[in-house]
Amino acid sequence: MRDHFALRWVHFGLSQSYEGLFLGAHVAFEGFIEDLFVGLLVNGLKSQRSDIVPRIRIPTHQIARELLTGPRKRYVDWLPFERTIDLANLYFRGGRPFTDLSVAQKDHLERCNIIRNAIAHKSRHSLKLFEGKIISNMPLPPKERSPSGYLRGIFRISPLQTRFQIYISQTLIIARDLAR
């Protein structure tokens, strides 16, 4: 009985760790999007690309954030990524660099957001989306049918990588592509 309890406690700890790491990475990516967006608006950041052109120049980060949030909000919802694209189309010619992501990259960010919501909310709706859009067609063992179990699951044997590692590495590639 004691071993069973200890094993359940270890499983709980692993689940919490993967969920916390994934949420932390999601928050960090959202912060990256905001920093890049605002930085490009105020001339603080220079892109290697000549086709990234703000429609207006804003003198300070503070003013840029006030314009982005509007009078009734304290923050901008950058994710789901479609929200970033909507803002990018208003503030940058062609919405670049935010509109230049491939369909596969946008799909990846959508999957990340679905997993994030399933972890953060654990509501019937968010878990149903997770089941329908993330794991529905995958033959997974029962322990991998939850968000944390799914992230802990092995994606590739050689080299050994979990789904969590794949999600994070793909998100880092997207960040690199946006910032170039």
N, C-alpha and C. Protein backbone atom coordinates (compact mmCIF):
# COMPACT_ATOMS: atom_id res chain seq x y z
N MET A 1 0.82 -1.19 0.00
CA MET A 1 0.00 0.00 0.00
C MET A 1 0.87 1.26 0.00
N ARG A 2 1.91 1.23 0.84
CA ARG A 2 2.80 2.38 0.93
C ARG A 2 3.51 2.64 -0.39
N ASP A 3 3.95 1.58 -1.09
CA ASP A 3 4.61 1.74 -2.39
C ASP A 3 3.65 2.32 -3.42
N HIS A 4 2.40 1.89 -3.38
CA HIS A 4 1.40 2.42 -4.30
C HIS A 4 1.20 3.92 -4.07
N PHE A 5 1.13 4.33 -2.81
CA PHE A 5 0.96 5.75 -2.48
C PHE A 5 2.18 6.55 -2.94
N ALA A 6 3.38 6.01 -2.70
CA ALA A 6 4.60 6.70 -3.11
C ALA A 6 4.66 6.85 -4.63
N LEU A 7 4.27 5.80 -5.34
CA LEU A 7 4.27 5.86 -6.80
C LEU A 7 3.27 6.89 -7.32
N ARG A 8 2.10 6.95 -6.70
CA ARG A 8 1.11 7.96 -7.09
C ARG A 8 1.64 9.36 -6.81
N TRP A 9 2.36 9.55 -5.71
CA TRP A 9 2.92 10.86 -5.37
C TRP A 9 3.99 11.27 -6.38
N VAL A 10 4.82 10.34 -6.80
CA VAL A 10 5.83 10.61 -7.82
C VAL A 10 5.16 10.97 -9.14
N HIS A 11 4.12 10.23 -9.51
CA HIS A 11 3.38 10.52 -10.74
C HIS A 11 2.77 11.92 -10.67
N PHE A 12 2.21 12.27 -9.53
CA PHE A 12 1.63 13.60 -9.35
C PHE A 12 2.71 14.67 -9.49
N GLY A 13 3.86 14.44 -8.88
CA GLY A 13 4.97 15.40 -8.97
C GLY A 13 5.46 15.58 -10.40
N LEU A 14 5.57 14.49 -11.14
CA LEU A 14 5.98 14.58 -12.54
C LEU A 14 4.95 15.34 -13.36
N SER A 15 3.68 15.04 -13.12
CA SER A 15 2.61 15.74 -13.84
C SER A 15 2.68 17.24 -13.59
N GLN A 16 2.81 17.61 -12.34
CA GLN A 16 2.89 19.03 -11.98
C GLN A 16 4.12 19.68 -12.60
N SER A 17 5.22 18.97 -12.64
CA SER A 17 6.45 19.53 -13.21
C SER A 17 6.29 19.80 -14.70
N TYR A 18 5.79 18.82 -15.43
CA TYR A 18 5.61 19.02 -16.88
C TYR A 18 4.61 20.13 -17.16
N GLU A 19 3.52 20.15 -16.40
CA GLU A 19 2.53 21.20 -16.61
C GLU A 19 3.12 22.57 -16.30
N GLY A 20 3.84 22.68 -15.20
CA GLY A 20 4.46 23.96 -14.83
C GLY A 20 5.49 24.41 -15.85
N LEU A 21 6.31 23.48 -16.32
CA LEU A 21 7.32 23.83 -17.32
C LEU A 21 6.65 24.29 -18.62
N PHE A 22 5.59 23.60 -19.02
CA PHE A 22 4.91 23.98 -20.25
C PHE A 22 4.25 25.35 -20.11
N LEU A 23 3.58 25.59 -18.98
CA LEU A 23 2.97 26.90 -18.76
C LEU A 23 4.02 28.00 -18.72
N GLY A 24 5.14 27.73 -18.07
CA GLY A 24 6.22 28.72 -18.02
C GLY A 24 6.76 29.05 -19.40
N ALA A 25 6.93 28.03 -20.23
CA ALA A 25 7.41 28.26 -21.60
C ALA A 25 6.37 29.04 -22.40
N HIS A 26 5.11 28.75 -22.20
CA HIS A 26 4.04 29.45 -22.91
C HIS A 26 4.03 30.93 -22.53
N VAL A 27 4.14 31.20 -21.25
CA VAL A 27 4.18 32.59 -20.77
C VAL A 27 5.42 33.31 -21.31
N ALA A 28 6.55 32.62 -21.32
CA ALA A 28 7.79 33.22 -21.84
C ALA A 28 7.66 33.54 -23.32
N PHE A 29 7.03 32.66 -24.09
CA PHE A 29 6.84 32.93 -25.52
C PHE A 29 5.91 34.12 -25.72
N GLU A 30 4.87 34.20 -24.93
CA GLU A 30 3.96 35.34 -25.02
C GLU A 30 4.69 36.64 -24.70
N GLY A 31 5.56 36.62 -23.69
CA GLY A 31 6.37 37.79 -23.37
C GLY A 31 7.33 38.15 -24.49
N PHE A 32 7.89 37.13 -25.13
CA PHE A 32 8.77 37.35 -26.27
C PHE A 32 8.02 38.07 -27.39
N ILE A 33 6.80 37.60 -27.70
CA ILE A 33 6.01 38.23 -28.76
C ILE A 33 5.78 39.70 -28.43
N GLU A 34 5.41 39.99 -27.19
CA GLU A 34 5.17 41.39 -26.81
C GLU A 34 6.44 42.23 -26.93
N ASP A 35 7.54 41.71 -26.41
CA ASP A 35 8.80 42.46 -26.48
C ASP A 35 9.21 42.72 -27.93
N LEU A 36 9.07 41.72 -28.78
CA LEU A 36 9.43 41.89 -30.19
C LEU A 36 8.51 42.90 -30.85
N PHE A 37 7.22 42.77 -30.65
CA PHE A 37 6.23 43.64 -31.27
C PHE A 37 6.48 45.10 -30.87
N VAL A 38 6.58 45.33 -29.58
CA VAL A 38 6.78 46.70 -29.08
C VAL A 38 8.15 47.21 -29.50
N GLY A 39 9.16 46.37 -29.42
CA GLY A 39 10.50 46.78 -29.81
C GLY A 39 10.58 47.21 -31.27
N LEU A 40 9.89 46.50 -32.13
CA LEU A 40 9.88 46.88 -33.55
C LEU A 40 9.10 48.17 -33.77
N LEU A 41 8.09 48.42 -32.95
CA LEU A 41 7.31 49.65 -33.09
C LEU A 41 8.07 50.91 -32.69
N VAL A 42 8.93 50.80 -31.69
CA VAL A 42 9.59 52.00 -31.15
C VAL A 42 11.02 52.18 -31.64
N ASN A 43 11.40 51.44 -32.65
CA ASN A 43 12.76 51.56 -33.19
C ASN A 43 13.83 51.03 -32.26
N GLY A 44 13.43 50.38 -31.18
CA GLY A 44 14.43 49.83 -30.29
C GLY A 44 15.09 48.60 -30.87
N LEU A 45 14.35 47.84 -31.64
CA LEU A 45 14.88 46.64 -32.27
C LEU A 45 14.98 46.86 -33.77
N LYS A 46 16.04 46.42 -34.33
CA LYS A 46 16.22 46.48 -35.78
C LYS A 46 16.19 45.05 -36.31
N SER A 47 15.44 44.87 -37.36
CA SER A 47 15.38 43.57 -38.01
C SER A 47 16.39 43.53 -39.14
N GLN A 48 16.84 42.32 -39.45
CA GLN A 48 17.71 42.13 -40.61
C GLN A 48 16.93 42.30 -41.91
N ARG A 49 15.62 42.21 -41.79
CA ARG A 49 14.77 42.26 -42.97
C ARG A 49 14.36 43.71 -43.26
N SER A 50 14.36 44.06 -44.53
CA SER A 50 13.98 45.41 -44.92
C SER A 50 12.47 45.55 -45.12
N ASP A 51 11.75 44.42 -45.11
CA ASP A 51 10.31 44.48 -45.35
C ASP A 51 9.48 44.58 -44.07
N ILE A 52 10.11 44.78 -42.93
CA ILE A 52 9.39 44.98 -41.68
C ILE A 52 9.32 46.47 -41.42
N VAL A 53 8.14 47.04 -41.65
CA VAL A 53 7.97 48.48 -41.60
C VAL A 53 6.75 48.83 -40.75
N PRO A 54 6.97 49.46 -39.60
CA PRO A 54 5.82 49.93 -38.82
C PRO A 54 5.06 51.00 -39.59
N ARG A 55 3.75 51.00 -39.46
CA ARG A 55 2.93 52.03 -40.11
C ARG A 55 3.07 53.38 -39.42
N ILE A 56 3.38 53.33 -38.12
CA ILE A 56 3.63 54.56 -37.36
C ILE A 56 4.84 54.32 -36.47
N ARG A 57 5.53 55.37 -36.15
CA ARG A 57 6.66 55.29 -35.21
C ARG A 57 6.16 55.80 -33.87
N ILE A 58 6.42 55.02 -32.85
CA ILE A 58 5.99 55.37 -31.51
C ILE A 58 7.25 55.66 -30.70
N PRO A 59 7.26 56.78 -29.96
CA PRO A 59 8.52 57.20 -29.32
C PRO A 59 8.98 56.35 -28.14
N THR A 60 8.06 55.75 -27.37
CA THR A 60 8.51 55.00 -26.19
C THR A 60 7.74 53.69 -26.05
N HIS A 61 8.34 52.77 -25.29
CA HIS A 61 7.69 51.50 -25.01
C HIS A 61 6.39 51.72 -24.25
N GLN A 62 6.40 52.65 -23.32
CA GLN A 62 5.21 52.91 -22.51
C GLN A 62 4.04 53.36 -23.39
N ILE A 63 4.29 54.28 -24.29
CA ILE A 63 3.22 54.76 -25.18
C ILE A 63 2.75 53.63 -26.09
N ALA A 64 3.69 52.83 -26.59
CA ALA A 64 3.31 51.70 -27.45
C ALA A 64 2.39 50.74 -26.70
N ARG A 65 2.73 50.42 -25.46
CA ARG A 65 1.89 49.50 -24.68
C ARG A 65 0.52 50.10 -24.39
N GLU A 66 0.47 51.40 -24.12
CA GLU A 66 -0.81 52.07 -23.88
C GLU A 66 -1.68 52.03 -25.14
N LEU A 67 -1.08 52.24 -26.30
CA LEU A 67 -1.84 52.19 -27.55
C LEU A 67 -2.33 50.76 -27.84
N LEU A 68 -1.50 49.78 -27.55
CA LEU A 68 -1.87 48.40 -27.82
C LEU A 68 -2.97 47.89 -26.89
N THR A 69 -2.93 48.31 -25.64
CA THR A 69 -3.92 47.80 -24.69
C THR A 69 -5.24 48.56 -24.75
N GLY A 70 -5.18 49.82 -25.14
CA GLY A 70 -6.41 50.62 -25.14
C GLY A 70 -6.75 51.08 -23.73
N PRO A 71 -7.82 51.84 -23.58
CA PRO A 71 -8.13 52.44 -22.29
C PRO A 71 -8.72 51.48 -21.26
N ARG A 72 -9.21 50.32 -21.68
CA ARG A 72 -9.93 49.46 -20.75
C ARG A 72 -9.18 48.21 -20.29
N LYS A 73 -8.01 47.98 -20.85
CA LYS A 73 -7.27 46.76 -20.52
C LYS A 73 -5.89 47.11 -19.97
N ARG A 74 -5.34 46.16 -19.25
CA ARG A 74 -3.99 46.34 -18.72
C ARG A 74 -2.95 45.51 -19.47
N TYR A 75 -3.41 44.61 -20.31
CA TYR A 75 -2.48 43.75 -21.04
C TYR A 75 -3.09 43.40 -22.39
N VAL A 76 -2.24 42.88 -23.27
CA VAL A 76 -2.66 42.45 -24.60
C VAL A 76 -2.67 40.93 -24.60
N ASP A 77 -3.70 40.35 -25.16
CA ASP A 77 -3.75 38.90 -25.37
C ASP A 77 -3.03 38.60 -26.67
N TRP A 78 -1.80 38.10 -26.60
CA TRP A 78 -1.01 37.80 -27.79
C TRP A 78 -1.32 36.41 -28.33
N LEU A 79 -1.86 35.57 -27.49
CA LEU A 79 -2.21 34.22 -27.90
C LEU A 79 -3.68 33.97 -27.58
N PRO A 80 -4.42 33.28 -28.41
CA PRO A 80 -4.02 32.61 -29.64
C PRO A 80 -3.37 33.58 -30.63
N PHE A 81 -2.49 33.03 -31.46
CA PHE A 81 -1.63 33.84 -32.31
C PHE A 81 -2.41 34.68 -33.31
N GLU A 82 -3.63 34.29 -33.62
CA GLU A 82 -4.47 35.10 -34.53
C GLU A 82 -4.65 36.51 -33.98
N ARG A 83 -4.66 36.66 -32.67
CA ARG A 83 -4.77 38.00 -32.07
C ARG A 83 -3.54 38.84 -32.38
N THR A 84 -2.38 38.21 -32.34
CA THR A 84 -1.14 38.92 -32.70
C THR A 84 -1.19 39.32 -34.17
N ILE A 85 -1.65 38.42 -35.02
CA ILE A 85 -1.73 38.72 -36.45
C ILE A 85 -2.68 39.89 -36.70
N ASP A 86 -3.81 39.92 -36.00
CA ASP A 86 -4.76 41.03 -36.16
C ASP A 86 -4.09 42.36 -35.80
N LEU A 87 -3.36 42.39 -34.69
CA LEU A 87 -2.65 43.62 -34.30
C LEU A 87 -1.53 43.95 -35.28
N ALA A 88 -0.82 42.93 -35.71
CA ALA A 88 0.29 43.15 -36.65
C ALA A 88 -0.20 43.76 -37.95
N ASN A 89 -1.35 43.34 -38.41
CA ASN A 89 -1.91 43.91 -39.64
C ASN A 89 -2.27 45.38 -39.47
N LEU A 90 -2.58 45.79 -38.26
CA LEU A 90 -2.87 47.21 -37.99
C LEU A 90 -1.59 48.04 -37.89
N TYR A 91 -0.56 47.49 -37.25
CA TYR A 91 0.63 48.28 -36.91
C TYR A 91 1.81 48.13 -37.86
N PHE A 92 1.83 47.07 -38.69
CA PHE A 92 2.97 46.84 -39.58
C PHE A 92 2.47 46.60 -41.00
N ARG A 93 3.21 47.11 -41.96
CA ARG A 93 2.87 46.84 -43.37
C ARG A 93 2.93 45.35 -43.63
N GLY A 94 1.83 44.84 -44.13
CA GLY A 94 1.75 43.41 -44.40
C GLY A 94 1.72 42.54 -43.16
N GLY A 95 1.71 43.18 -41.98
CA GLY A 95 1.69 42.43 -40.74
C GLY A 95 3.00 41.72 -40.41
N ARG A 96 4.04 42.02 -41.21
CA ARG A 96 5.33 41.33 -41.04
C ARG A 96 6.08 41.82 -39.81
N PRO A 97 6.73 40.93 -39.12
CA PRO A 97 7.08 39.55 -39.44
C PRO A 97 6.04 38.52 -38.97
N PHE A 98 5.03 38.96 -38.27
CA PHE A 98 4.11 38.05 -37.60
C PHE A 98 3.22 37.28 -38.57
N THR A 99 2.97 37.82 -39.74
CA THR A 99 2.14 37.13 -40.73
C THR A 99 2.94 36.17 -41.60
N ASP A 100 4.24 36.15 -41.44
CA ASP A 100 5.10 35.31 -42.28
C ASP A 100 5.26 33.88 -41.80
N LEU A 101 4.68 33.53 -40.69
CA LEU A 101 4.80 32.15 -40.22
C LEU A 101 4.07 31.21 -41.19
N SER A 102 4.59 30.02 -41.29
CA SER A 102 3.96 29.01 -42.16
C SER A 102 2.68 28.49 -41.49
N VAL A 103 1.88 27.83 -42.28
CA VAL A 103 0.65 27.22 -41.74
C VAL A 103 1.02 26.22 -40.64
N ALA A 104 2.08 25.44 -40.87
CA ALA A 104 2.51 24.45 -39.86
C ALA A 104 2.92 25.14 -38.56
N GLN A 105 3.60 26.28 -38.65
CA GLN A 105 4.00 27.00 -37.44
C GLN A 105 2.79 27.57 -36.71
N LYS A 106 1.83 28.11 -37.46
CA LYS A 106 0.61 28.62 -36.83
C LYS A 106 -0.18 27.48 -36.19
N ASP A 107 -0.22 26.34 -36.85
CA ASP A 107 -0.90 25.17 -36.27
C ASP A 107 -0.21 24.73 -34.98
N HIS A 108 1.11 24.77 -34.98
CA HIS A 108 1.86 24.41 -33.77
C HIS A 108 1.48 25.34 -32.61
N LEU A 109 1.44 26.64 -32.87
CA LEU A 109 1.08 27.59 -31.82
C LEU A 109 -0.35 27.38 -31.35
N GLU A 110 -1.24 27.00 -32.26
CA GLU A 110 -2.62 26.71 -31.86
C GLU A 110 -2.66 25.47 -30.95
N ARG A 111 -1.91 24.43 -31.30
CA ARG A 111 -1.85 23.24 -30.46
C ARG A 111 -1.28 23.57 -29.08
N CYS A 112 -0.24 24.39 -29.06
CA CYS A 112 0.33 24.81 -27.76
C CYS A 112 -0.72 25.52 -26.92
N ASN A 113 -1.50 26.38 -27.54
CA ASN A 113 -2.52 27.13 -26.80
C ASN A 113 -3.61 26.19 -26.27
N ILE A 114 -3.97 25.18 -27.04
CA ILE A 114 -4.96 24.21 -26.59
C ILE A 114 -4.43 23.43 -25.39
N ILE A 115 -3.18 23.00 -25.46
CA ILE A 115 -2.57 22.28 -24.33
C ILE A 115 -2.48 23.21 -23.12
N ARG A 116 -2.07 24.44 -23.34
CA ARG A 116 -1.99 25.42 -22.25
C ARG A 116 -3.33 25.58 -21.55
N ASN A 117 -4.40 25.73 -22.34
CA ASN A 117 -5.72 25.91 -21.75
C ASN A 117 -6.19 24.67 -21.01
N ALA A 118 -5.87 23.49 -21.52
CA ALA A 118 -6.25 22.25 -20.83
C ALA A 118 -5.53 22.13 -19.49
N ILE A 119 -4.29 22.61 -19.43
CA ILE A 119 -3.54 22.59 -18.17
C ILE A 119 -4.05 23.66 -17.22
N ALA A 120 -4.20 24.88 -17.72
CA ALA A 120 -4.52 26.01 -16.86
C ALA A 120 -5.96 25.99 -16.35
N HIS A 121 -6.88 25.54 -17.18
CA HIS A 121 -8.29 25.63 -16.81
C HIS A 121 -8.89 24.31 -16.36
N LYS A 122 -8.47 23.23 -16.98
CA LYS A 122 -9.01 21.90 -16.69
C LYS A 122 -10.54 21.89 -16.75
N SER A 123 -11.10 22.76 -17.55
CA SER A 123 -12.55 22.80 -17.72
C SER A 123 -12.99 21.72 -18.70
N ARG A 124 -14.25 21.41 -18.70
CA ARG A 124 -14.78 20.41 -19.63
C ARG A 124 -14.50 20.83 -21.06
N HIS A 125 -14.70 22.12 -21.35
CA HIS A 125 -14.48 22.62 -22.71
C HIS A 125 -13.02 22.50 -23.13
N SER A 126 -12.09 22.94 -22.27
CA SER A 126 -10.68 22.90 -22.65
C SER A 126 -10.17 21.46 -22.78
N LEU A 127 -10.64 20.57 -21.92
CA LEU A 127 -10.22 19.17 -22.03
C LEU A 127 -10.83 18.50 -23.26
N LYS A 128 -12.04 18.89 -23.62
CA LYS A 128 -12.66 18.35 -24.83
C LYS A 128 -11.88 18.81 -26.07
N LEU A 129 -11.46 20.09 -26.09
CA LEU A 129 -10.63 20.57 -27.20
C LEU A 129 -9.31 19.81 -27.26
N PHE A 130 -8.69 19.58 -26.10
CA PHE A 130 -7.45 18.82 -26.04
C PHE A 130 -7.66 17.43 -26.63
N GLU A 131 -8.73 16.77 -26.21
CA GLU A 131 -9.00 15.43 -26.73
C GLU A 131 -9.30 15.45 -28.22
N GLY A 132 -10.07 16.45 -28.67
CA GLY A 132 -10.48 16.49 -30.07
C GLY A 132 -9.41 16.95 -31.03
N LYS A 133 -8.57 17.88 -30.61
CA LYS A 133 -7.60 18.46 -31.55
C LYS A 133 -6.17 17.98 -31.34
N ILE A 134 -5.87 17.41 -30.19
CA ILE A 134 -4.49 17.01 -29.92
C ILE A 134 -4.33 15.49 -29.95
N ILE A 135 -5.17 14.76 -29.23
CA ILE A 135 -4.93 13.32 -29.08
C ILE A 135 -5.97 12.43 -29.76
N SER A 136 -6.95 13.00 -30.45
CA SER A 136 -8.08 12.21 -30.95
C SER A 136 -7.68 11.04 -31.84
N ASN A 137 -6.75 11.21 -32.73
CA ASN A 137 -6.39 10.15 -33.68
C ASN A 137 -5.13 9.39 -33.29
N MET A 138 -4.71 9.57 -32.04
CA MET A 138 -3.46 8.93 -31.62
C MET A 138 -3.76 7.73 -30.72
N PRO A 139 -3.15 6.59 -31.04
CA PRO A 139 -3.32 5.42 -30.16
C PRO A 139 -2.39 5.55 -28.94
N LEU A 140 -2.88 6.18 -27.91
CA LEU A 140 -2.07 6.44 -26.73
C LEU A 140 -2.51 5.56 -25.56
N PRO A 141 -1.55 5.17 -24.72
CA PRO A 141 -1.95 4.46 -23.50
C PRO A 141 -2.70 5.43 -22.57
N PRO A 142 -3.52 4.93 -21.68
CA PRO A 142 -4.31 5.79 -20.80
C PRO A 142 -3.49 6.85 -20.05
N LYS A 143 -2.28 6.50 -19.63
CA LYS A 143 -1.48 7.46 -18.87
C LYS A 143 -1.02 8.67 -19.71
N GLU A 144 -1.12 8.59 -21.05
CA GLU A 144 -0.72 9.69 -21.92
C GLU A 144 -1.92 10.45 -22.49
N ARG A 145 -3.11 10.21 -21.97
CA ARG A 145 -4.30 10.86 -22.49
C ARG A 145 -4.67 12.12 -21.72
N SER A 146 -3.83 12.52 -20.79
CA SER A 146 -3.99 13.80 -20.09
C SER A 146 -2.93 14.75 -20.65
N PRO A 147 -3.09 16.07 -20.45
CA PRO A 147 -2.05 16.99 -20.96
C PRO A 147 -0.65 16.68 -20.45
N SER A 148 -0.51 16.43 -19.14
CA SER A 148 0.83 16.17 -18.62
C SER A 148 1.36 14.82 -19.10
N GLY A 149 0.51 13.81 -19.15
CA GLY A 149 0.93 12.51 -19.66
C GLY A 149 1.32 12.56 -21.12
N TYR A 150 0.56 13.33 -21.88
CA TYR A 150 0.87 13.52 -23.30
C TYR A 150 2.24 14.18 -23.47
N LEU A 151 2.50 15.23 -22.71
CA LEU A 151 3.79 15.93 -22.81
C LEU A 151 4.95 15.05 -22.36
N ARG A 152 4.72 14.20 -21.36
CA ARG A 152 5.77 13.30 -20.87
C ARG A 152 6.04 12.16 -21.84
N GLY A 153 5.07 11.86 -22.69
CA GLY A 153 5.19 10.71 -23.59
C GLY A 153 6.37 10.84 -24.54
N ILE A 154 6.89 9.68 -24.93
CA ILE A 154 8.04 9.62 -25.82
C ILE A 154 7.59 9.92 -27.25
N PHE A 155 8.26 10.88 -27.87
CA PHE A 155 7.99 11.23 -29.26
C PHE A 155 8.91 10.44 -30.18
N ARG A 156 10.17 10.31 -29.77
CA ARG A 156 11.18 9.66 -30.61
C ARG A 156 12.12 8.90 -29.67
N ILE A 157 12.50 7.71 -30.13
CA ILE A 157 13.38 6.86 -29.32
C ILE A 157 14.85 7.22 -29.52
N SER A 158 15.23 7.55 -30.76
CA SER A 158 16.63 7.82 -31.04
C SER A 158 16.78 9.11 -31.84
N PRO A 159 17.27 10.16 -31.26
CA PRO A 159 17.58 10.31 -29.84
C PRO A 159 16.29 10.41 -29.03
N LEU A 160 16.36 9.98 -27.80
CA LEU A 160 15.19 9.97 -26.93
C LEU A 160 14.69 11.40 -26.71
N GLN A 161 13.43 11.66 -27.10
CA GLN A 161 12.82 12.97 -26.91
C GLN A 161 11.36 12.80 -26.52
N THR A 162 10.95 13.62 -25.56
CA THR A 162 9.54 13.63 -25.17
C THR A 162 8.78 14.60 -26.07
N ARG A 163 7.47 14.52 -26.02
CA ARG A 163 6.66 15.48 -26.77
C ARG A 163 6.90 16.90 -26.24
N PHE A 164 7.10 17.01 -24.94
CA PHE A 164 7.41 18.32 -24.37
C PHE A 164 8.64 18.92 -25.04
N GLN A 165 9.70 18.15 -25.18
CA GLN A 165 10.92 18.65 -25.81
C GLN A 165 10.67 19.07 -27.26
N ILE A 166 9.86 18.32 -27.98
CA ILE A 166 9.54 18.66 -29.36
C ILE A 166 8.76 19.96 -29.42
N TYR A 167 7.76 20.10 -28.54
CA TYR A 167 6.97 21.34 -28.54
C TYR A 167 7.85 22.55 -28.24
N ILE A 168 8.72 22.43 -27.28
CA ILE A 168 9.58 23.56 -26.91
C ILE A 168 10.56 23.88 -28.03
N SER A 169 11.16 22.87 -28.63
CA SER A 169 12.13 23.15 -29.70
C SER A 169 11.44 23.77 -30.91
N GLN A 170 10.23 23.34 -31.24
CA GLN A 170 9.51 23.95 -32.36
C GLN A 170 9.13 25.40 -32.04
N THR A 171 8.78 25.67 -30.80
CA THR A 171 8.45 27.04 -30.40
C THR A 171 9.68 27.93 -30.48
N LEU A 172 10.83 27.41 -30.10
CA LEU A 172 12.08 28.18 -30.20
C LEU A 172 12.42 28.50 -31.67
N ILE A 173 12.16 27.57 -32.55
CA ILE A 173 12.39 27.82 -33.99
C ILE A 173 11.47 28.93 -34.48
N ILE A 174 10.22 28.92 -34.03
CA ILE A 174 9.28 29.98 -34.41
C ILE A 174 9.77 31.33 -33.89
N ALA A 175 10.23 31.37 -32.66
CA ALA A 175 10.75 32.61 -32.08
C ALA A 175 11.94 33.11 -32.90
N ARG A 176 12.82 32.20 -33.26
CA ARG A 176 13.98 32.59 -34.09
C ARG A 176 13.53 33.17 -35.44
N ASP A 177 12.56 32.50 -36.06
CA ASP A 177 12.07 32.97 -37.36
C ASP A 177 11.43 34.35 -37.26
N LEU A 178 10.70 34.61 -36.20
CA LEU A 178 10.08 35.93 -36.01
C LEU A 178 11.13 37.01 -35.78
N ALA A 179 12.18 36.68 -35.06
CA ALA A 179 13.16 37.70 -34.66
C ALA A 179 14.25 37.95 -35.67
N ARG A 180 14.32 37.20 -36.73
CA ARG A 180 15.44 37.40 -37.67
C ARG A 180 15.34 38.70 -38.42
